[in-house]
Each structure stands twice: as C-alpha cells, then as structure tokens.
Amino acid sequence: HTIYLKEGGVSGFYRGLTPTLIGMAPY
C-alpha cells in the first residue's frame, strides 16, 4: 500500500527491474 501511494503506483514495484534482469541472465 505504501509503495503504491508514495512511489509512483505500479512503477514503484518495478524499480531496479533492469539490473535484476541483466543480473539474472548470467546467474
């Protein structure tokens, strides 16, 4: 609830997704 209200809605839950995907590929 807090992240959704204070950090831009749905996009707040995907912060850091790019490095996660880039890191997950080799891992």
PDB file of all heavy atoms in Angstrom:
ATOM      1  N   HIS A   1       0.825  -1.204   0.000  1.00  0.00           N
ATOM      2  CA  HIS A   1       0.000   0.000   0.000  1.00  0.00           C
ATOM      3  C   HIS A   1       0.861   1.256   0.000  1.00  0.00           C
ATOM      4  O   HIS A   1       0.617   2.198  -0.780  1.00  0.00           O
ATOM      5  CB  HIS A   1      -0.921  -0.018   1.226  1.00  0.00           C
ATOM      6  CG  HIS A   1      -1.864   1.143   1.303  1.00  0.00           C
ATOM      7  ND1 HIS A   1      -2.909   1.315   0.426  1.00  0.00           N
ATOM      8  CD2 HIS A   1      -1.904   2.199   2.157  1.00  0.00           C
ATOM      9  CE1 HIS A   1      -3.575   2.419   0.734  1.00  0.00           C
ATOM     10  NE2 HIS A   1      -2.981   2.977   1.771  1.00  0.00           N
ATOM     11  N   THR A   2       1.879   1.293   0.849  1.00  0.00           N
ATOM     12  CA  THR A   2       2.734   2.477   0.987  1.00  0.00           C
ATOM     13  C   THR A   2       3.546   2.739  -0.275  1.00  0.00           C
ATOM     14  O   THR A   2       3.640   3.879  -0.743  1.00  0.00           O
ATOM     15  CB  THR A   2       3.684   2.307   2.185  1.00  0.00           C
ATOM     16  OG1 THR A   2       2.920   2.060   3.371  1.00  0.00           O
ATOM     17  CG2 THR A   2       4.526   3.560   2.379  1.00  0.00           C
ATOM     18  N   ILE A   3       4.145   1.697  -0.823  1.00  0.00           N
ATOM     19  CA  ILE A   3       4.948   1.855  -2.046  1.00  0.00           C
ATOM     20  C   ILE A   3       4.073   2.344  -3.192  1.00  0.00           C
ATOM     21  O   ILE A   3       4.462   3.219  -3.970  1.00  0.00           O
ATOM     22  CB  ILE A   3       5.640   0.525  -2.412  1.00  0.00           C
ATOM     23  CG1 ILE A   3       6.683   0.159  -1.346  1.00  0.00           C
ATOM     24  CG2 ILE A   3       6.310   0.625  -3.782  1.00  0.00           C
ATOM     25  CD1 ILE A   3       7.263  -1.227  -1.508  1.00  0.00           C
ATOM     26  N   TYR A   4       2.868   1.791  -3.292  1.00  0.00           N
ATOM     27  CA  TYR A   4       1.953   2.171  -4.373  1.00  0.00           C
ATOM     28  C   TYR A   4       1.578   3.655  -4.269  1.00  0.00           C
ATOM     29  O   TYR A   4       1.538   4.375  -5.271  1.00  0.00           O
ATOM     30  CB  TYR A   4       0.692   1.308  -4.323  1.00  0.00           C
ATOM     31  CG  TYR A   4      -0.289   1.599  -5.431  1.00  0.00           C
ATOM     32  CD1 TYR A   4      -0.116   1.045  -6.702  1.00  0.00           C
ATOM     33  CD2 TYR A   4      -1.379   2.430  -5.212  1.00  0.00           C
ATOM     34  CE1 TYR A   4      -1.010   1.313  -7.730  1.00  0.00           C
ATOM     35  CE2 TYR A   4      -2.283   2.711  -6.238  1.00  0.00           C
ATOM     36  CZ  TYR A   4      -2.097   2.145  -7.488  1.00  0.00           C
ATOM     37  OH  TYR A   4      -2.975   2.424  -8.500  1.00  0.00           O
ATOM     38  N   LEU A   5       1.309   4.135  -3.054  1.00  0.00           N
ATOM     39  CA  LEU A   5       0.876   5.514  -2.863  1.00  0.00           C
ATOM     40  C   LEU A   5       2.012   6.513  -2.981  1.00  0.00           C
ATOM     41  O   LEU A   5       1.837   7.609  -3.528  1.00  0.00           O
ATOM     42  CB  LEU A   5       0.210   5.667  -1.491  1.00  0.00           C
ATOM     43  CG  LEU A   5      -1.152   4.985  -1.294  1.00  0.00           C
ATOM     44  CD1 LEU A   5      -1.651   5.219   0.119  1.00  0.00           C
ATOM     45  CD2 LEU A   5      -2.166   5.499  -2.318  1.00  0.00           C
ATOM     46  N   LYS A   6       3.198   6.173  -2.468  1.00  0.00           N
ATOM     47  CA  LYS A   6       4.287   7.136  -2.343  1.00  0.00           C
ATOM     48  C   LYS A   6       5.350   7.058  -3.428  1.00  0.00           C
ATOM     49  O   LYS A   6       6.171   7.983  -3.541  1.00  0.00           O
ATOM     50  CB  LYS A   6       4.955   6.993  -0.971  1.00  0.00           C
ATOM     51  CG  LYS A   6       4.036   7.330   0.203  1.00  0.00           C
ATOM     52  CD  LYS A   6       4.802   7.272   1.512  1.00  0.00           C
ATOM     53  CE  LYS A   6       3.912   7.673   2.685  1.00  0.00           C
ATOM     54  NZ  LYS A   6       4.660   7.646   3.974  1.00  0.00           N
ATOM     55  N   GLU A   7       5.361   5.980  -4.207  1.00  0.00           N
ATOM     56  CA  GLU A   7       6.468   5.814  -5.157  1.00  0.00           C
ATOM     57  C   GLU A   7       6.006   5.583  -6.597  1.00  0.00           C
ATOM     58  O   GLU A   7       6.616   4.842  -7.354  1.00  0.00           O
ATOM     59  CB  GLU A   7       7.389   4.675  -4.697  1.00  0.00           C
ATOM     60  CG  GLU A   7       7.997   4.939  -3.329  1.00  0.00           C
ATOM     61  CD  GLU A   7       9.036   3.913  -2.939  1.00  0.00           C
ATOM     62  OE1 GLU A   7       9.767   3.415  -3.819  1.00  0.00           O
ATOM     63  OE2 GLU A   7       9.143   3.615  -1.734  1.00  0.00           O
ATOM     64  N   GLY A   8       4.911   6.233  -6.954  1.00  0.00           N
ATOM     65  CA  GLY A   8       4.515   6.248  -8.354  1.00  0.00           C
ATOM     66  C   GLY A   8       3.626   5.130  -8.816  1.00  0.00           C
ATOM     67  O   GLY A   8       3.621   4.778 -10.004  1.00  0.00           O
ATOM     68  N   GLY A   9       2.869   4.521  -7.910  1.00  0.00           N
ATOM     69  CA  GLY A   9       1.943   3.471  -8.307  1.00  0.00           C
ATOM     70  C   GLY A   9       2.648   2.176  -8.667  1.00  0.00           C
ATOM     71  O   GLY A   9       3.613   1.771  -8.018  1.00  0.00           O
ATOM     72  N   VAL A  10       2.184   1.546  -9.741  1.00  0.00           N
ATOM     73  CA  VAL A  10       2.724   0.238 -10.138  1.00  0.00           C
ATOM     74  C   VAL A  10       4.215   0.309 -10.451  1.00  0.00           C
ATOM     75  O   VAL A  10       4.967  -0.621 -10.149  1.00  0.00           O
ATOM     76  CB  VAL A  10       1.951  -0.305 -11.365  1.00  0.00           C
ATOM     77  CG1 VAL A  10       2.577  -1.607 -11.852  1.00  0.00           C
ATOM     78  CG2 VAL A  10       0.481  -0.531 -11.009  1.00  0.00           C
ATOM     79  N   SER A  11       4.666   1.412 -11.040  1.00  0.00           N
ATOM     80  CA  SER A  11       6.078   1.537 -11.409  1.00  0.00           C
ATOM     81  C   SER A  11       6.993   1.454 -10.193  1.00  0.00           C
ATOM     82  O   SER A  11       8.159   1.071 -10.314  1.00  0.00           O
ATOM     83  CB  SER A  11       6.319   2.859 -12.150  1.00  0.00           C
ATOM     84  OG  SER A  11       6.014   3.971 -11.316  1.00  0.00           O
ATOM     85  N   GLY A  12       6.470   1.792  -9.016  1.00  0.00           N
ATOM     86  CA  GLY A  12       7.280   1.708  -7.804  1.00  0.00           C
ATOM     87  C   GLY A  12       7.682   0.292  -7.452  1.00  0.00           C
ATOM     88  O   GLY A  12       8.698   0.073  -6.786  1.00  0.00           O
ATOM     89  N   PHE A  13       6.884  -0.680  -7.911  1.00  0.00           N
ATOM     90  CA  PHE A  13       7.187  -2.085  -7.622  1.00  0.00           C
ATOM     91  C   PHE A  13       8.202  -2.673  -8.606  1.00  0.00           C
ATOM     92  O   PHE A  13       8.647  -3.798  -8.427  1.00  0.00           O
ATOM     93  CB  PHE A  13       5.906  -2.925  -7.675  1.00  0.00           C
ATOM     94  CG  PHE A  13       4.921  -2.579  -6.599  1.00  0.00           C
ATOM     95  CD1 PHE A  13       3.760  -1.869  -6.898  1.00  0.00           C
ATOM     96  CD2 PHE A  13       5.153  -2.941  -5.286  1.00  0.00           C
ATOM     97  CE1 PHE A  13       2.850  -1.549  -5.899  1.00  0.00           C
ATOM     98  CE2 PHE A  13       4.251  -2.621  -4.281  1.00  0.00           C
ATOM     99  CZ  PHE A  13       3.098  -1.919  -4.592  1.00  0.00           C
ATOM    100  N   TYR A  14       8.532  -1.913  -9.644  1.00  0.00           N
ATOM    101  CA  TYR A  14       9.469  -2.419 -10.647  1.00  0.00           C
ATOM    102  C   TYR A  14      10.757  -1.611 -10.693  1.00  0.00           C
ATOM    103  O   TYR A  14      11.502  -1.685 -11.658  1.00  0.00           O
ATOM    104  CB  TYR A  14       8.802  -2.461 -12.022  1.00  0.00           C
ATOM    105  CG  TYR A  14       7.838  -3.618 -12.135  1.00  0.00           C
ATOM    106  CD1 TYR A  14       6.494  -3.472 -11.797  1.00  0.00           C
ATOM    107  CD2 TYR A  14       8.271  -4.875 -12.547  1.00  0.00           C
ATOM    108  CE1 TYR A  14       5.609  -4.541 -11.863  1.00  0.00           C
ATOM    109  CE2 TYR A  14       7.398  -5.952 -12.613  1.00  0.00           C
ATOM    110  CZ  TYR A  14       6.070  -5.768 -12.280  1.00  0.00           C
ATOM    111  OH  TYR A  14       5.205  -6.841 -12.339  1.00  0.00           O
ATOM    112  N   ARG A  15      11.015  -0.870  -9.628  1.00  0.00           N
ATOM    113  CA  ARG A  15      12.268  -0.133  -9.540  1.00  0.00           C
ATOM    114  C   ARG A  15      13.413  -1.130  -9.392  1.00  0.00           C
ATOM    115  O   ARG A  15      13.387  -2.002  -8.525  1.00  0.00           O
ATOM    116  CB  ARG A  15      12.229   0.812  -8.343  1.00  0.00           C
ATOM    117  CG  ARG A  15      13.517   1.586  -8.172  1.00  0.00           C
ATOM    118  CD  ARG A  15      13.376   2.697  -7.154  1.00  0.00           C
ATOM    119  NE  ARG A  15      14.619   3.430  -6.998  1.00  0.00           N
ATOM    120  CZ  ARG A  15      14.725   4.606  -6.400  1.00  0.00           C
ATOM    121  NH1 ARG A  15      13.650   5.176  -5.924  1.00  0.00           N
ATOM    122  NH2 ARG A  15      15.886   5.198  -6.292  1.00  0.00           N
ATOM    123  N   GLY A  16      14.417  -0.998 -10.227  1.00  0.00           N
ATOM    124  CA  GLY A  16      15.543  -1.925 -10.188  1.00  0.00           C
ATOM    125  C   GLY A  16      15.337  -3.161 -11.046  1.00  0.00           C
ATOM    126  O   GLY A  16      16.150  -4.093 -11.010  1.00  0.00           O
ATOM    127  N   LEU A  17      14.256  -3.187 -11.842  1.00  0.00           N
ATOM    128  CA  LEU A  17      13.984  -4.367 -12.665  1.00  0.00           C
ATOM    129  C   LEU A  17      15.067  -4.594 -13.719  1.00  0.00           C
ATOM    130  O   LEU A  17      15.470  -5.732 -13.960  1.00  0.00           O
ATOM    131  CB  LEU A  17      12.619  -4.241 -13.348  1.00  0.00           C
ATOM    132  CG  LEU A  17      12.228  -5.394 -14.277  1.00  0.00           C
ATOM    133  CD1 LEU A  17      12.134  -6.705 -13.501  1.00  0.00           C
ATOM    134  CD2 LEU A  17      10.913  -5.108 -14.996  1.00  0.00           C
ATOM    135  N   THR A  18      15.542  -3.517 -14.331  1.00  0.00           N
ATOM    136  CA  THR A  18      16.553  -3.657 -15.390  1.00  0.00           C
ATOM    137  C   THR A  18      17.826  -4.337 -14.894  1.00  0.00           C
ATOM    138  O   THR A  18      18.274  -5.326 -15.496  1.00  0.00           O
ATOM    139  CB  THR A  18      16.884  -2.288 -16.019  1.00  0.00           C
ATOM    140  OG1 THR A  18      15.704  -1.746 -16.606  1.00  0.00           O
ATOM    141  CG2 THR A  18      17.950  -2.426 -17.093  1.00  0.00           C
ATOM    142  N   PRO A  19      18.460  -3.844 -13.797  1.00  0.00           N
ATOM    143  CA  PRO A  19      19.653  -4.557 -13.327  1.00  0.00           C
ATOM    144  C   PRO A  19      19.346  -5.968 -12.839  1.00  0.00           C
ATOM    145  O   PRO A  19      20.197  -6.855 -12.897  1.00  0.00           O
ATOM    146  CB  PRO A  19      20.176  -3.684 -12.170  1.00  0.00           C
ATOM    147  CG  PRO A  19      19.013  -2.867 -11.744  1.00  0.00           C
ATOM    148  CD  PRO A  19      18.214  -2.625 -13.000  1.00  0.00           C
ATOM    149  N   THR A  20      18.113  -6.179 -12.367  1.00  0.00           N
ATOM    150  CA  THR A  20      17.733  -7.521 -11.938  1.00  0.00           C
ATOM    151  C   THR A  20      17.719  -8.478 -13.126  1.00  0.00           C
ATOM    152  O   THR A  20      18.254  -9.590 -13.060  1.00  0.00           O
ATOM    153  CB  THR A  20      16.346  -7.515 -11.268  1.00  0.00           C
ATOM    154  OG1 THR A  20      16.382  -6.649 -10.142  1.00  0.00           O
ATOM    155  CG2 THR A  20      15.966  -8.919 -10.802  1.00  0.00           C
ATOM    156  N   LEU A  21      17.115  -8.045 -14.218  1.00  0.00           N
ATOM    157  CA  LEU A  21      17.054  -8.886 -15.411  1.00  0.00           C
ATOM    158  C   LEU A  21      18.446  -9.106 -15.995  1.00  0.00           C
ATOM    159  O   LEU A  21      18.800 -10.220 -16.406  1.00  0.00           O
ATOM    160  CB  LEU A  21      16.139  -8.243 -16.464  1.00  0.00           C
ATOM    161  CG  LEU A  21      14.653  -8.212 -16.125  1.00  0.00           C
ATOM    162  CD1 LEU A  21      13.888  -7.444 -17.204  1.00  0.00           C
ATOM    163  CD2 LEU A  21      14.102  -9.623 -15.984  1.00  0.00           C
ATOM    164  N   ILE A  22      19.249  -8.041 -16.025  1.00  0.00           N
ATOM    165  CA  ILE A  22      20.606  -8.164 -16.551  1.00  0.00           C
ATOM    166  C   ILE A  22      21.440  -9.084 -15.670  1.00  0.00           C
ATOM    167  O   ILE A  22      22.240  -9.881 -16.152  1.00  0.00           O
ATOM    168  CB  ILE A  22      21.271  -6.776 -16.655  1.00  0.00           C
ATOM    169  CG1 ILE A  22      20.530  -5.928 -17.696  1.00  0.00           C
ATOM    170  CG2 ILE A  22      22.744  -6.913 -17.040  1.00  0.00           C
ATOM    171  CD1 ILE A  22      21.019  -4.497 -17.772  1.00  0.00           C
ATOM    172  N   GLY A  23      21.229  -8.986 -14.347  1.00  0.00           N
ATOM    173  CA  GLY A  23      21.963  -9.853 -13.435  1.00  0.00           C
ATOM    174  C   GLY A  23      21.444 -11.285 -13.439  1.00  0.00           C
ATOM    175  O   GLY A  23      22.209 -12.235 -13.272  1.00  0.00           O
ATOM    176  N   MET A  24      20.135 -11.437 -13.648  1.00  0.00           N
ATOM    177  CA  MET A  24      19.542 -12.772 -13.628  1.00  0.00           C
ATOM    178  C   MET A  24      19.949 -13.592 -14.845  1.00  0.00           C
ATOM    179  O   MET A  24      20.063 -14.812 -14.757  1.00  0.00           O
ATOM    180  CB  MET A  24      18.014 -12.666 -13.551  1.00  0.00           C
ATOM    181  CG  MET A  24      17.287 -14.008 -13.524  1.00  0.00           C
ATOM    182  SD  MET A  24      17.901 -15.140 -12.237  1.00  0.00           S
ATOM    183  CE  MET A  24      17.434 -14.244 -10.753  1.00  0.00           C
ATOM    184  N   ALA A  25      20.159 -12.936 -15.965  1.00  0.00           N
ATOM    185  CA  ALA A  25      20.534 -13.656 -17.186  1.00  0.00           C
ATOM    186  C   ALA A  25      21.789 -14.513 -16.979  1.00  0.00           C
ATOM    187  O   ALA A  25      21.752 -15.724 -17.205  1.00  0.00           O
ATOM    188  CB  ALA A  25      20.699 -12.691 -18.352  1.00  0.00           C
ATOM    189  N   PRO A  26      22.910 -13.924 -16.530  1.00  0.00           N
ATOM    190  CA  PRO A  26      24.081 -14.777 -16.285  1.00  0.00           C
ATOM    191  C   PRO A  26      23.923 -15.688 -15.076  1.00  0.00           C
ATOM    192  O   PRO A  26      24.415 -16.818 -15.086  1.00  0.00           O
ATOM    193  CB  PRO A  26      25.222 -13.779 -16.077  1.00  0.00           C
ATOM    194  CG  PRO A  26      24.561 -12.527 -15.619  1.00  0.00           C
ATOM    195  CD  PRO A  26      23.236 -12.498 -16.343  1.00  0.00           C
ATOM    196  N   TYR A  27      23.207 -15.208 -14.026  1.00  0.00           N
ATOM    197  CA  TYR A  27      23.081 -16.042 -12.824  1.00  0.00           C
ATOM    198  C   TYR A  27      22.301 -17.325 -13.104  1.00  0.00           C
ATOM    199  O   TYR A  27      22.782 -18.429 -12.861  1.00  0.00           O
ATOM    200  CB  TYR A  27      22.390 -15.266 -11.699  1.00  0.00           C
ATOM    201  CG  TYR A  27      22.136 -16.139 -10.490  1.00  0.00           C
ATOM    202  CD1 TYR A  27      23.181 -16.490  -9.648  1.00  0.00           C
ATOM    203  CD2 TYR A  27      20.869 -16.642 -10.210  1.00  0.00           C
ATOM    204  CE1 TYR A  27      22.974 -17.314  -8.556  1.00  0.00           C
ATOM    205  CE2 TYR A  27      20.648 -17.469  -9.126  1.00  0.00           C
ATOM    206  CZ  TYR A  27      21.704 -17.796  -8.304  1.00  0.00           C
ATOM    207  OH  TYR A  27      21.488 -18.628  -7.230  1.00  0.00           O
TER     208      TYR A  27
END
